[in-house]
Amino acid sequence: VVEHSGTMRSGHYVAYIRGREAKDCQKAENDGHCVESTWYRISDTFVRKLSLSEVLQSEAYLLFYEKITC
């Protein structure tokens, strides 16, 4: 997730990145998910760990998708 603040001529971009660790692919036990996620907010030289609810409050300017298969 990329978020932009400011104007079209001047502004700042912040990235919200999902890191993940592979888990056992027991889809039935994990509601169909085989990864555990940790979210980070990255802005220039600053990185902060976030909860999913904090990420969902961002106003996305650009989204990147990744297909995850087990």
PDB file of N, CA and C in Angstrom:
ATOM      1  N   VAL A   1       0.856  -1.166   0.000  1.00  0.00           N
ATOM      2  CA  VAL A   1       0.000   0.000   0.000  1.00  0.00           C
ATOM      3  C   VAL A   1       0.900   1.227   0.000  1.00  0.00           C
ATOM      4  N   VAL A   2       0.641   2.154  -0.901  1.00  0.00           N
ATOM      5  CA  VAL A   2       1.377   3.415  -0.938  1.00  0.00           C
ATOM      6  C   VAL A   2       0.387   4.532  -0.655  1.00  0.00           C
ATOM      7  N   GLU A   3       0.755   5.414   0.260  1.00  0.00           N
ATOM      8  CA  GLU A   3      -0.100   6.543   0.636  1.00  0.00           C
ATOM      9  C   GLU A   3       0.639   7.838   0.313  1.00  0.00           C
ATOM     10  N   HIS A   4      -0.069   8.820  -0.255  1.00  0.00           N
ATOM     11  CA  HIS A   4       0.510  10.119  -0.593  1.00  0.00           C
ATOM     12  C   HIS A   4      -0.155  11.200   0.239  1.00  0.00           C
ATOM     13  N   SER A   5       0.648  12.118   0.751  1.00  0.00           N
ATOM     14  CA  SER A   5       0.099  13.296   1.426  1.00  0.00           C
ATOM     15  C   SER A   5       0.705  14.526   0.765  1.00  0.00           C
ATOM     16  N   GLY A   6      -0.054  15.591   0.712  1.00  0.00           N
ATOM     17  CA  GLY A   6       0.418  16.815   0.075  1.00  0.00           C
ATOM     18  C   GLY A   6      -0.354  17.102  -1.196  1.00  0.00           C
ATOM     19  N   THR A   7       0.273  17.870  -2.073  1.00  0.00           N
ATOM     20  CA  THR A   7      -0.365  18.261  -3.329  1.00  0.00           C
ATOM     21  C   THR A   7       0.263  17.494  -4.489  1.00  0.00           C
ATOM     22  N   MET A   8      -0.228  17.751  -5.694  1.00  0.00           N
ATOM     23  CA  MET A   8       0.336  17.110  -6.882  1.00  0.00           C
ATOM     24  C   MET A   8       1.755  17.617  -7.162  1.00  0.00           C
ATOM     25  N   ARG A   9       2.072  18.838  -6.732  1.00  0.00           N
ATOM     26  CA  ARG A   9       3.395  19.419  -6.977  1.00  0.00           C
ATOM     27  C   ARG A   9       4.385  19.147  -5.851  1.00  0.00           C
ATOM     28  N   SER A  10       3.878  18.890  -4.675  1.00  0.00           N
ATOM     29  CA  SER A  10       4.753  18.675  -3.525  1.00  0.00           C
ATOM     30  C   SER A  10       4.066  17.725  -2.568  1.00  0.00           C
ATOM     31  N   GLY A  11       4.800  16.796  -2.029  1.00  0.00           N
ATOM     32  CA  GLY A  11       4.176  15.853  -1.114  1.00  0.00           C
ATOM     33  C   GLY A  11       5.151  14.807  -0.625  1.00  0.00           C
ATOM     34  N   HIS A  12       4.600  13.806  -0.008  1.00  0.00           N
ATOM     35  CA  HIS A  12       5.408  12.752   0.600  1.00  0.00           C
ATOM     36  C   HIS A  12       4.683  11.423   0.431  1.00  0.00           C
ATOM     37  N   TYR A  13       5.447  10.384   0.145  1.00  0.00           N
ATOM     38  CA  TYR A  13       4.901   9.038   0.011  1.00  0.00           C
ATOM     39  C   TYR A  13       5.329   8.187   1.194  1.00  0.00           C
ATOM     40  N   VAL A  14       4.412   7.356   1.663  1.00  0.00           N
ATOM     41  CA  VAL A  14       4.674   6.400   2.738  1.00  0.00           C
ATOM     42  C   VAL A  14       4.229   5.035   2.233  1.00  0.00           C
ATOM     43  N   ALA A  15       5.007   4.006   2.524  1.00  0.00           N
ATOM     44  CA  ALA A  15       4.656   2.644   2.112  1.00  0.00           C
ATOM     45  C   ALA A  15       4.265   1.816   3.323  1.00  0.00           C
ATOM     46  N   TYR A  16       3.225   1.027   3.165  1.00  0.00           N
ATOM     47  CA  TYR A  16       2.813   0.044   4.166  1.00  0.00           C
ATOM     48  C   TYR A  16       3.120  -1.320   3.562  1.00  0.00           C
ATOM     49  N   ILE A  17       4.005  -2.045   4.212  1.00  0.00           N
ATOM     50  CA  ILE A  17       4.513  -3.305   3.672  1.00  0.00           C
ATOM     51  C   ILE A  17       4.107  -4.452   4.580  1.00  0.00           C
ATOM     52  N   ARG A  18       3.658  -5.533   3.976  1.00  0.00           N
ATOM     53  CA  ARG A  18       3.313  -6.727   4.750  1.00  0.00           C
ATOM     54  C   ARG A  18       4.460  -7.719   4.667  1.00  0.00           C
ATOM     55  N   GLY A  19       5.047  -7.998   5.807  1.00  0.00           N
ATOM     56  CA  GLY A  19       6.048  -9.055   5.885  1.00  0.00           C
ATOM     57  C   GLY A  19       5.330 -10.316   6.320  1.00  0.00           C
ATOM     58  N   ARG A  20       5.852 -11.449   5.946  1.00  0.00           N
ATOM     59  CA  ARG A  20       5.164 -12.677   6.337  1.00  0.00           C
ATOM     60  C   ARG A  20       6.157 -13.796   6.572  1.00  0.00           C
ATOM     61  N   GLU A  21       5.733 -14.728   7.385  1.00  0.00           N
ATOM     62  CA  GLU A  21       6.509 -15.923   7.657  1.00  0.00           C
ATOM     63  C   GLU A  21       5.686 -17.117   7.214  1.00  0.00           C
ATOM     64  N   ALA A  22       6.303 -18.012   6.477  1.00  0.00           N
ATOM     65  CA  ALA A  22       5.589 -19.205   6.013  1.00  0.00           C
ATOM     66  C   ALA A  22       5.250 -20.095   7.198  1.00  0.00           C
ATOM     67  N   LYS A  23       4.056 -20.609   7.203  1.00  0.00           N
ATOM     68  CA  LYS A  23       3.585 -21.535   8.236  1.00  0.00           C
ATOM     69  C   LYS A  23       3.211 -22.842   7.562  1.00  0.00           C
ATOM     70  N   ASP A  24       2.909 -23.846   8.359  1.00  0.00           N
ATOM     71  CA  ASP A  24       2.407 -25.091   7.783  1.00  0.00           C
ATOM     72  C   ASP A  24       1.158 -24.785   6.984  1.00  0.00           C
ATOM     73  N   CYS A  25       1.052 -25.364   5.837  1.00  0.00           N
ATOM     74  CA  CYS A  25      -0.101 -25.105   4.978  1.00  0.00           C
ATOM     75  C   CYS A  25      -1.259 -26.023   5.339  1.00  0.00           C
ATOM     76  N   GLN A  26      -1.733 -25.910   6.520  1.00  0.00           N
ATOM     77  CA  GLN A  26      -2.917 -26.645   6.952  1.00  0.00           C
ATOM     78  C   GLN A  26      -4.099 -25.703   6.767  1.00  0.00           C
ATOM     79  N   LYS A  27      -4.594 -25.613   5.546  1.00  0.00           N
ATOM     80  CA  LYS A  27      -5.624 -24.632   5.218  1.00  0.00           C
ATOM     81  C   LYS A  27      -6.860 -24.758   6.085  1.00  0.00           C
ATOM     82  N   ALA A  28      -7.247 -25.951   6.414  1.00  0.00           N
ATOM     83  CA  ALA A  28      -8.447 -26.134   7.235  1.00  0.00           C
ATOM     84  C   ALA A  28      -8.253 -25.538   8.623  1.00  0.00           C
ATOM     85  N   GLU A  29      -7.048 -25.611   9.148  1.00  0.00           N
ATOM     86  CA  GLU A  29      -6.779 -25.091  10.486  1.00  0.00           C
ATOM     87  C   GLU A  29      -6.552 -23.589  10.493  1.00  0.00           C
ATOM     88  N   ASN A  30      -6.195 -23.011   9.359  1.00  0.00           N
ATOM     89  CA  ASN A  30      -5.878 -21.589   9.282  1.00  0.00           C
ATOM     90  C   ASN A  30      -6.886 -20.801   8.454  1.00  0.00           C
ATOM     91  N   ASP A  31      -8.098 -21.250   8.369  1.00  0.00           N
ATOM     92  CA  ASP A  31      -9.129 -20.559   7.595  1.00  0.00           C
ATOM     93  C   ASP A  31      -8.686 -20.284   6.158  1.00  0.00           C
ATOM     94  N   GLY A  32      -7.931 -21.202   5.575  1.00  0.00           N
ATOM     95  CA  GLY A  32      -7.509 -21.031   4.195  1.00  0.00           C
ATOM     96  C   GLY A  32      -6.245 -20.225   4.014  1.00  0.00           C
ATOM     97  N   HIS A  33      -5.657 -19.728   5.089  1.00  0.00           N
ATOM     98  CA  HIS A  33      -4.434 -18.936   4.990  1.00  0.00           C
ATOM     99  C   HIS A  33      -3.236 -19.757   5.448  1.00  0.00           C
ATOM    100  N   CYS A  34      -2.126 -19.617   4.748  1.00  0.00           N
ATOM    101  CA  CYS A  34      -0.937 -20.382   5.111  1.00  0.00           C
ATOM    102  C   CYS A  34       0.223 -19.472   5.491  1.00  0.00           C
ATOM    103  N   VAL A  35      -0.053 -18.193   5.739  1.00  0.00           N
ATOM    104  CA  VAL A  35       0.992 -17.259   6.147  1.00  0.00           C
ATOM    105  C   VAL A  35       0.501 -16.419   7.311  1.00  0.00           C
ATOM    106  N   GLU A  36       1.438 -15.945   8.100  1.00  0.00           N
ATOM    107  CA  GLU A  36       1.130 -15.024   9.189  1.00  0.00           C
ATOM    108  C   GLU A  36       1.745 -13.680   8.824  1.00  0.00           C
ATOM    109  N   SER A  37       0.994 -12.595   8.948  1.00  0.00           N
ATOM    110  CA  SER A  37       1.438 -11.291   8.472  1.00  0.00           C
ATOM    111  C   SER A  37       1.820 -10.352   9.600  1.00  0.00           C
ATOM    112  N   THR A  38       2.823  -9.530   9.324  1.00  0.00           N
ATOM    113  CA  THR A  38       3.196  -8.407  10.166  1.00  0.00           C
ATOM    114  C   THR A  38       3.285  -7.201   9.246  1.00  0.00           C
ATOM    115  N   TRP A  39       2.670  -6.088   9.636  1.00  0.00           N
ATOM    116  CA  TRP A  39       2.652  -4.889   8.811  1.00  0.00           C
ATOM    117  C   TRP A  39       3.653  -3.865   9.324  1.00  0.00           C
ATOM    118  N   TYR A  40       4.269  -3.121   8.368  1.00  0.00           N
ATOM    119  CA  TYR A  40       5.242  -2.083   8.693  1.00  0.00           C
ATOM    120  C   TYR A  40       4.909  -0.819   7.915  1.00  0.00           C
ATOM    121  N   ARG A  41       5.139   0.343   8.537  1.00  0.00           N
ATOM    122  CA  ARG A  41       5.010   1.643   7.874  1.00  0.00           C
ATOM    123  C   ARG A  41       6.421   2.141   7.615  1.00  0.00           C
ATOM    124  N   ILE A  42       6.728   2.435   6.351  1.00  0.00           N
ATOM    125  CA  ILE A  42       8.074   2.834   5.966  1.00  0.00           C
ATOM    126  C   ILE A  42       8.023   4.232   5.361  1.00  0.00           C
ATOM    127  N   SER A  43       8.784   5.152   5.966  1.00  0.00           N
ATOM    128  CA  SER A  43       8.819   6.535   5.523  1.00  0.00           C
ATOM    129  C   SER A  43      10.260   7.040   5.592  1.00  0.00           C
ATOM    130  N   ASP A  44      10.905   7.187   4.453  1.00  0.00           N
ATOM    131  CA  ASP A  44      12.298   7.635   4.358  1.00  0.00           C
ATOM    132  C   ASP A  44      13.212   6.775   5.230  1.00  0.00           C
ATOM    133  N   THR A  45      13.627   7.256   6.386  1.00  0.00           N
ATOM    134  CA  THR A  45      14.563   6.506   7.236  1.00  0.00           C
ATOM    135  C   THR A  45      13.887   5.911   8.457  1.00  0.00           C
ATOM    136  N   PHE A  46      12.566   5.876   8.481  1.00  0.00           N
ATOM    137  CA  PHE A  46      11.833   5.428   9.660  1.00  0.00           C
ATOM    138  C   PHE A  46      10.976   4.211   9.323  1.00  0.00           C
ATOM    139  N   VAL A  47      11.060   3.174  10.138  1.00  0.00           N
ATOM    140  CA  VAL A  47      10.235   1.972   9.975  1.00  0.00           C
ATOM    141  C   VAL A  47       9.540   1.704  11.295  1.00  0.00           C
ATOM    142  N   ARG A  48       8.213   1.469  11.230  1.00  0.00           N
ATOM    143  CA  ARG A  48       7.446   1.204  12.447  1.00  0.00           C
ATOM    144  C   ARG A  48       6.509   0.033  12.210  1.00  0.00           C
ATOM    145  N   LYS A  49       6.421  -0.859  13.182  1.00  0.00           N
ATOM    146  CA  LYS A  49       5.514  -2.004  13.117  1.00  0.00           C
ATOM    147  C   LYS A  49       4.095  -1.522  13.410  1.00  0.00           C
ATOM    148  N   LEU A  50       3.116  -2.021  12.641  1.00  0.00           N
ATOM    149  CA  LEU A  50       1.718  -1.600  12.773  1.00  0.00           C
ATOM    150  C   LEU A  50       0.792  -2.798  12.899  1.00  0.00           C
ATOM    151  N   SER A  51      -0.395  -2.516  13.376  1.00  0.00           N
ATOM    152  CA  SER A  51      -1.459  -3.523  13.355  1.00  0.00           C
ATOM    153  C   SER A  51      -2.212  -3.395  12.026  1.00  0.00           C
ATOM    154  N   LEU A  52      -2.929  -4.430  11.656  1.00  0.00           N
ATOM    155  CA  LEU A  52      -3.723  -4.389  10.431  1.00  0.00           C
ATOM    156  C   LEU A  52      -4.756  -3.272  10.498  1.00  0.00           C
ATOM    157  N   SER A  53      -5.356  -3.037  11.652  1.00  0.00           N
ATOM    158  CA  SER A  53      -6.370  -1.981  11.766  1.00  0.00           C
ATOM    159  C   SER A  53      -5.769  -0.603  11.484  1.00  0.00           C
ATOM    160  N   GLU A  54      -4.511  -0.370  11.848  1.00  0.00           N
ATOM    161  CA  GLU A  54      -3.854   0.901  11.533  1.00  0.00           C
ATOM    162  C   GLU A  54      -3.622   1.037  10.031  1.00  0.00           C
ATOM    163  N   VAL A  55      -3.243  -0.039   9.379  1.00  0.00           N
ATOM    164  CA  VAL A  55      -3.022  -0.016   7.931  1.00  0.00           C
ATOM    165  C   VAL A  55      -4.336   0.257   7.206  1.00  0.00           C
ATOM    166  N   LEU A  56      -5.412  -0.338   7.668  1.00  0.00           N
ATOM    167  CA  LEU A  56      -6.714  -0.155   7.019  1.00  0.00           C
ATOM    168  C   LEU A  56      -7.235   1.269   7.138  1.00  0.00           C
ATOM    169  N   GLN A  57      -6.678   2.070   8.032  1.00  0.00           N
ATOM    170  CA  GLN A  57      -7.074   3.471   8.173  1.00  0.00           C
ATOM    171  C   GLN A  57      -6.345   4.378   7.181  1.00  0.00           C
ATOM    172  N   SER A  58      -5.343   3.860   6.483  1.00  0.00           N
ATOM    173  CA  SER A  58      -4.598   4.669   5.517  1.00  0.00           C
ATOM    174  C   SER A  58      -5.467   4.935   4.288  1.00  0.00           C
ATOM    175  N   GLU A  59      -5.121   5.993   3.562  1.00  0.00           N
ATOM    176  CA  GLU A  59      -5.821   6.323   2.324  1.00  0.00           C
ATOM    177  C   GLU A  59      -4.904   5.952   1.168  1.00  0.00           C
ATOM    178  N   ALA A  60      -5.133   4.795   0.596  1.00  0.00           N
ATOM    179  CA  ALA A  60      -4.238   4.251  -0.424  1.00  0.00           C
ATOM    180  C   ALA A  60      -4.238   5.106  -1.687  1.00  0.00           C
ATOM    181  N   TYR A  61      -3.046   5.413  -2.168  1.00  0.00           N
ATOM    182  CA  TYR A  61      -2.840   6.100  -3.438  1.00  0.00           C
ATOM    183  C   TYR A  61      -2.548   5.071  -4.526  1.00  0.00           C
ATOM    184  N   LEU A  62      -1.874   3.978  -4.122  1.00  0.00           N
ATOM    185  CA  LEU A  62      -1.469   2.934  -5.048  1.00  0.00           C
ATOM    186  C   LEU A  62      -1.402   1.615  -4.287  1.00  0.00           C
ATOM    187  N   LEU A  63      -1.889   0.545  -4.909  1.00  0.00           N
ATOM    188  CA  LEU A  63      -1.860  -0.782  -4.287  1.00  0.00           C
ATOM    189  C   LEU A  63      -1.072  -1.744  -5.161  1.00  0.00           C
ATOM    190  N   PHE A  64      -0.329  -2.624  -4.517  1.00  0.00           N
ATOM    191  CA  PHE A  64       0.363  -3.714  -5.204  1.00  0.00           C
ATOM    192  C   PHE A  64      -0.201  -5.012  -4.670  1.00  0.00           C
ATOM    193  N   TYR A  65      -0.452  -5.961  -5.554  1.00  0.00           N
ATOM    194  CA  TYR A  65      -1.002  -7.256  -5.159  1.00  0.00           C
ATOM    195  C   TYR A  65       0.004  -8.355  -5.461  1.00  0.00           C
ATOM    196  N   GLU A  66      -0.004  -9.378  -4.621  1.00  0.00           N
ATOM    197  CA  GLU A  66       0.842 -10.546  -4.822  1.00  0.00           C
ATOM    198  C   GLU A  66      -0.013 -11.784  -4.632  1.00  0.00           C
ATOM    199  N   LYS A  67       0.050 -12.696  -5.587  1.00  0.00           N
ATOM    200  CA  LYS A  67      -0.678 -13.952  -5.464  1.00  0.00           C
ATOM    201  C   LYS A  67       0.124 -14.884  -4.563  1.00  0.00           C
ATOM    202  N   ILE A  68      -0.524 -15.397  -3.525  1.00  0.00           N
ATOM    203  CA  ILE A  68       0.130 -16.295  -2.580  1.00  0.00           C
ATOM    204  C   ILE A  68      -0.489 -17.672  -2.734  1.00  0.00           C
ATOM    205  N   THR A  69       0.335 -18.651  -3.012  1.00  0.00           N
ATOM    206  CA  THR A  69      -0.146 -20.023  -3.116  1.00  0.00           C
ATOM    207  C   THR A  69       0.646 -20.898  -2.166  1.00  0.00           C
ATOM    208  N   CYS A  70       0.006 -21.933  -1.687  1.00  0.00           N
ATOM    209  CA  CYS A  70       0.659 -22.862  -0.756  1.00  0.00           C
ATOM    210  C   CYS A  70       0.996 -24.151  -1.457  1.00  0.00           C
TER     211      CYS A  70
END
